[in-house]
Amino acid sequence: MSDFPEEISESLFEAPLMAEQERMVEAILFASVEPQSRLQIENRMPHGSDAAEALAHLRKRYAGRGVHVVKVGDGWAFRTAPDLGYLMQRESVETRKLSRAGIETLAIIAYHQPVTRSEIEEIRGVSVSRGTLDMLLELEWIKLGRRRMTPGRPVTFIVTQVFLDHFGLESSRDLPGVRELRDAGLLDNRPPPGVALEKSDDDLEADDQEDMFD
């Protein structure tokens, strides 16, 4: 038999009121550096809590305010309202600019993930230098995916939650269309897959540097 009175014993397994659950979720997201998944949030809450419902209430309550509750990949986080983003901007010296090769490689990975290095080269029509992939890995915008069950078991690349968060995307499905990327100058028209590789990333990066001094 339990040493606790029946009413106390039952309360130990009774989920808090939804208003209290909402406050708990708010506290968890406020204190978290990284976006938190529904399961991560629920694991911190009392038994029987419904994190999904609490998130829905919290998201509705913050709609129209200075900060929003947004979904980032599989996680949830507080983010500044898009229309107020200009308040957070400040002039700073840009110490590292993503090269044209890096932009194109990142775009291909985002749209074709999971994708191998040889597939990236086939789509771009140029070879991909190790430095380009290393830079994207260092930025934590891409990561290694599963190996392909093909000869040589080549590794694949996929975009990360850090990439989605940086560009304000909920998922890869929210990426702009290829035409929009081309109109923005982020993608060049490349030869169709299968053509001979004439330039490498090193050549393209050298071209970028020449363009800077033209």
Protein backbone atom coordinates (compact mmCIF):
# COMPACT_ATOMS: atom_id res chain seq x y z
CA MET A 1 0.00 0.00 0.00
CA SER A 2 1.09 3.57 -0.63
CA ASP A 3 2.14 5.72 2.34
CA PHE A 4 0.47 8.75 0.66
CA PRO A 5 -3.22 9.63 1.06
CA GLU A 6 -5.22 8.60 -1.99
CA GLU A 7 -5.86 12.19 -3.18
CA ILE A 8 -2.11 13.03 -3.01
CA SER A 9 -1.12 9.78 -4.70
CA GLU A 10 -3.49 10.47 -7.60
CA SER A 11 -2.21 14.03 -7.98
CA LEU A 12 1.33 12.76 -8.51
CA PHE A 13 0.21 11.20 -11.81
CA GLU A 14 -2.14 13.98 -12.82
CA ALA A 15 -0.94 16.30 -15.57
CA PRO A 16 -0.84 20.02 -14.70
CA LEU A 17 -3.51 22.33 -16.10
CA MET A 18 -2.85 23.33 -19.73
CA ALA A 19 -2.14 26.94 -18.68
CA GLU A 20 0.64 25.65 -16.42
CA GLN A 21 1.98 23.34 -19.14
CA GLU A 22 2.11 26.35 -21.47
CA ARG A 23 4.17 28.25 -18.88
CA MET A 24 6.53 25.27 -18.60
CA VAL A 25 7.08 25.13 -22.35
CA GLU A 26 7.66 28.89 -22.40
CA ALA A 27 10.32 28.55 -19.69
CA ILE A 28 12.05 25.64 -21.46
CA LEU A 29 12.25 27.46 -24.81
CA PHE A 30 13.37 30.70 -23.19
CA ALA A 31 16.26 28.99 -21.41
CA SER A 32 17.35 26.79 -24.34
CA VAL A 33 20.20 27.84 -26.63
CA GLU A 34 19.21 25.39 -29.37
CA PRO A 35 15.71 24.64 -30.75
CA GLN A 36 13.99 21.90 -28.75
CA SER A 37 11.98 19.06 -30.25
CA ARG A 38 8.54 18.17 -28.93
CA LEU A 39 9.97 15.03 -27.35
CA GLN A 40 12.80 16.94 -25.66
CA ILE A 41 10.27 19.38 -24.21
CA GLU A 42 7.88 16.66 -23.09
CA ASN A 43 10.67 14.72 -21.37
CA ARG A 44 11.24 17.74 -19.10
CA MET A 45 7.59 18.10 -18.19
CA PRO A 46 5.50 16.20 -15.59
CA HIS A 47 3.99 12.84 -16.46
CA GLY A 48 0.93 13.09 -18.68
CA SER A 49 1.76 16.51 -20.11
CA ASP A 50 0.92 17.27 -23.73
CA ALA A 51 3.78 19.34 -25.15
CA ALA A 52 2.21 19.50 -28.63
CA GLU A 53 -0.98 21.11 -27.34
CA ALA A 54 0.96 23.44 -25.04
CA LEU A 55 3.13 24.53 -27.99
CA ALA A 56 0.04 25.24 -30.07
CA HIS A 57 -1.39 27.46 -27.32
CA LEU A 58 1.96 29.20 -26.78
CA ARG A 59 2.46 29.80 -30.50
CA LYS A 60 -1.01 31.36 -30.73
CA ARG A 61 -0.39 33.56 -27.67
CA TYR A 62 2.84 34.97 -29.16
CA ALA A 63 1.37 35.59 -32.63
CA GLY A 64 1.64 39.29 -33.44
CA ARG A 65 4.13 40.00 -30.67
CA GLY A 66 7.79 41.04 -30.87
CA VAL A 67 8.95 37.43 -30.62
CA HIS A 68 7.31 34.37 -32.14
CA VAL A 69 7.36 30.67 -31.33
CA VAL A 70 8.61 29.10 -34.56
CA LYS A 71 9.39 25.61 -35.79
CA VAL A 72 12.98 25.07 -36.94
CA GLY A 73 13.43 21.66 -38.51
CA ASP A 74 12.21 19.25 -35.84
CA GLY A 75 12.61 21.78 -33.04
CA TRP A 76 10.88 24.82 -31.58
CA ALA A 77 12.38 28.13 -30.50
CA PHE A 78 11.71 31.80 -29.80
CA ARG A 79 12.68 34.07 -32.69
CA THR A 80 12.34 37.80 -33.39
CA ALA A 81 9.28 38.67 -35.47
CA PRO A 82 10.39 38.89 -39.13
CA ASP A 83 9.15 42.46 -39.57
CA LEU A 84 11.30 43.59 -36.63
CA GLY A 85 14.50 41.92 -37.78
CA TYR A 86 15.93 45.25 -38.94
CA LEU A 87 16.16 46.34 -35.30
CA MET A 88 18.73 43.61 -34.65
CA GLN A 89 20.94 44.48 -37.62
CA ARG A 90 24.16 46.37 -37.16
CA GLU A 91 27.10 47.30 -39.31
CA SER A 92 29.96 44.84 -39.02
CA VAL A 93 33.04 43.84 -40.97
CA GLU A 94 32.41 40.72 -43.00
CA THR A 95 35.44 38.53 -42.41
CA ARG A 96 34.39 35.59 -44.54
CA LYS A 97 32.35 35.55 -47.72
CA LEU A 98 30.87 32.39 -49.13
CA SER A 99 32.38 31.77 -52.55
CA ARG A 100 30.37 31.14 -55.67
CA ALA A 101 31.47 27.51 -55.50
CA GLY A 102 30.28 27.32 -51.89
CA ILE A 103 26.89 28.87 -52.71
CA GLU A 104 26.30 26.52 -55.65
CA THR A 105 27.41 23.44 -53.68
CA LEU A 106 25.20 24.41 -50.72
CA ALA A 107 22.20 24.95 -53.01
CA ILE A 108 22.67 21.56 -54.68
CA ILE A 109 22.91 19.78 -51.34
CA ALA A 110 19.79 21.58 -50.06
CA TYR A 111 17.72 20.69 -53.13
CA HIS A 112 19.03 17.19 -53.85
CA GLN A 113 19.84 15.83 -50.37
CA PRO A 114 21.05 13.29 -49.61
CA VAL A 115 23.65 13.74 -52.35
CA THR A 116 27.19 12.44 -52.85
CA ARG A 117 30.22 14.47 -53.89
CA SER A 118 30.27 12.88 -57.35
CA GLU A 119 26.58 13.72 -57.81
CA ILE A 120 27.27 17.34 -56.84
CA GLU A 121 30.04 17.45 -59.45
CA GLU A 122 27.77 15.90 -62.08
CA ILE A 123 25.05 18.50 -61.46
CA ARG A 124 27.45 21.47 -61.36
CA GLY A 125 29.59 20.32 -64.26
CA VAL A 126 32.79 21.13 -62.34
CA SER A 127 34.84 19.31 -59.74
CA VAL A 128 34.27 20.14 -56.07
CA SER A 129 37.32 20.94 -53.97
CA ARG A 130 37.67 19.47 -50.50
CA GLY A 131 38.02 23.02 -49.18
CA THR A 132 34.49 23.96 -50.32
CA LEU A 133 32.90 21.05 -48.47
CA ASP A 134 35.13 21.59 -45.43
CA MET A 135 34.03 25.23 -45.21
CA LEU A 136 30.33 24.27 -45.31
CA LEU A 137 30.93 21.58 -42.70
CA GLU A 138 32.79 24.09 -40.51
CA LEU A 139 29.85 26.52 -40.76
CA GLU A 140 27.64 23.58 -39.67
CA TRP A 141 25.34 24.25 -42.63
CA ILE A 142 25.84 20.71 -43.94
CA LYS A 143 26.66 17.39 -42.32
CA LEU A 144 27.42 13.84 -43.36
CA GLY A 145 24.41 11.68 -44.15
CA ARG A 146 24.10 7.95 -44.63
CA ARG A 147 26.47 6.12 -46.94
CA ARG A 148 25.01 4.97 -50.24
CA MET A 149 24.60 1.21 -50.67
CA THR A 150 26.60 1.34 -53.89
CA PRO A 151 30.18 0.31 -54.74
CA GLY A 152 32.60 2.22 -52.56
CA ARG A 153 29.82 3.15 -50.09
CA PRO A 154 30.16 6.91 -50.82
CA VAL A 155 29.11 9.28 -48.06
CA THR A 156 26.21 11.67 -48.67
CA PHE A 157 25.68 15.26 -47.56
CA ILE A 158 22.55 16.89 -46.12
CA VAL A 159 21.75 20.34 -44.72
CA THR A 160 21.53 20.87 -40.97
CA GLN A 161 19.10 22.47 -38.56
CA VAL A 162 21.67 25.28 -38.18
CA PHE A 163 21.26 25.99 -41.92
CA LEU A 164 17.46 26.06 -41.63
CA ASP A 165 17.64 28.30 -38.57
CA HIS A 166 20.09 30.72 -40.22
CA PHE A 167 17.82 31.23 -43.22
CA GLY A 168 14.57 31.23 -41.21
CA LEU A 169 13.23 28.01 -42.76
CA GLU A 170 10.97 25.51 -41.05
CA SER A 171 12.09 22.70 -43.35
CA SER A 172 13.84 22.13 -46.67
CA ARG A 173 10.42 22.26 -48.34
CA ASP A 174 10.41 26.02 -47.67
CA LEU A 175 13.44 26.66 -49.89
CA PRO A 176 12.92 29.13 -52.76
CA GLY A 177 12.54 27.76 -56.26
CA VAL A 178 15.51 27.23 -58.57
CA ARG A 179 14.27 30.06 -60.80
CA GLU A 180 14.26 32.41 -57.81
CA LEU A 181 17.83 31.39 -56.99
CA ARG A 182 18.93 32.01 -60.57
CA ASP A 183 17.17 35.40 -60.63
CA ALA A 184 19.01 36.28 -57.42
CA GLY A 185 22.32 35.31 -59.04
CA LEU A 186 22.92 32.40 -56.67
CA LEU A 187 22.91 29.75 -59.39
CA ASP A 188 24.54 29.81 -62.82
CA ASN A 189 23.36 27.85 -65.82
CA ARG A 190 25.63 24.83 -65.96
CA PRO A 191 26.32 22.24 -68.66
CA PRO A 192 24.04 19.18 -68.47
CA PRO A 193 25.19 16.17 -66.41
CA GLY A 194 27.79 14.02 -68.10
CA VAL A 195 29.86 16.75 -69.78
CA ALA A 196 33.62 16.86 -69.24
CA LEU A 197 34.82 18.80 -66.23
CA GLU A 198 36.69 21.86 -67.48
CA LYS A 199 37.10 23.87 -64.29
CA SER A 200 37.55 23.07 -60.64
CA ASP A 201 36.39 24.98 -57.57
CA ASP A 202 39.92 26.35 -57.27
CA ASP A 203 39.54 27.87 -60.75
CA LEU A 204 36.15 29.36 -59.87
CA GLU A 205 37.47 30.83 -56.62
CA ALA A 206 40.33 32.40 -58.57
CA ASP A 207 37.75 33.87 -60.96
CA ASP A 208 35.85 35.28 -57.97
CA GLN A 209 39.01 36.96 -56.70
CA GLU A 210 39.68 38.46 -60.15
CA ASP A 211 36.12 39.81 -60.26
CA MET A 212 36.72 41.59 -56.95
CA PHE A 213 39.60 43.58 -58.47
CA ASP A 214 37.99 44.34 -61.85
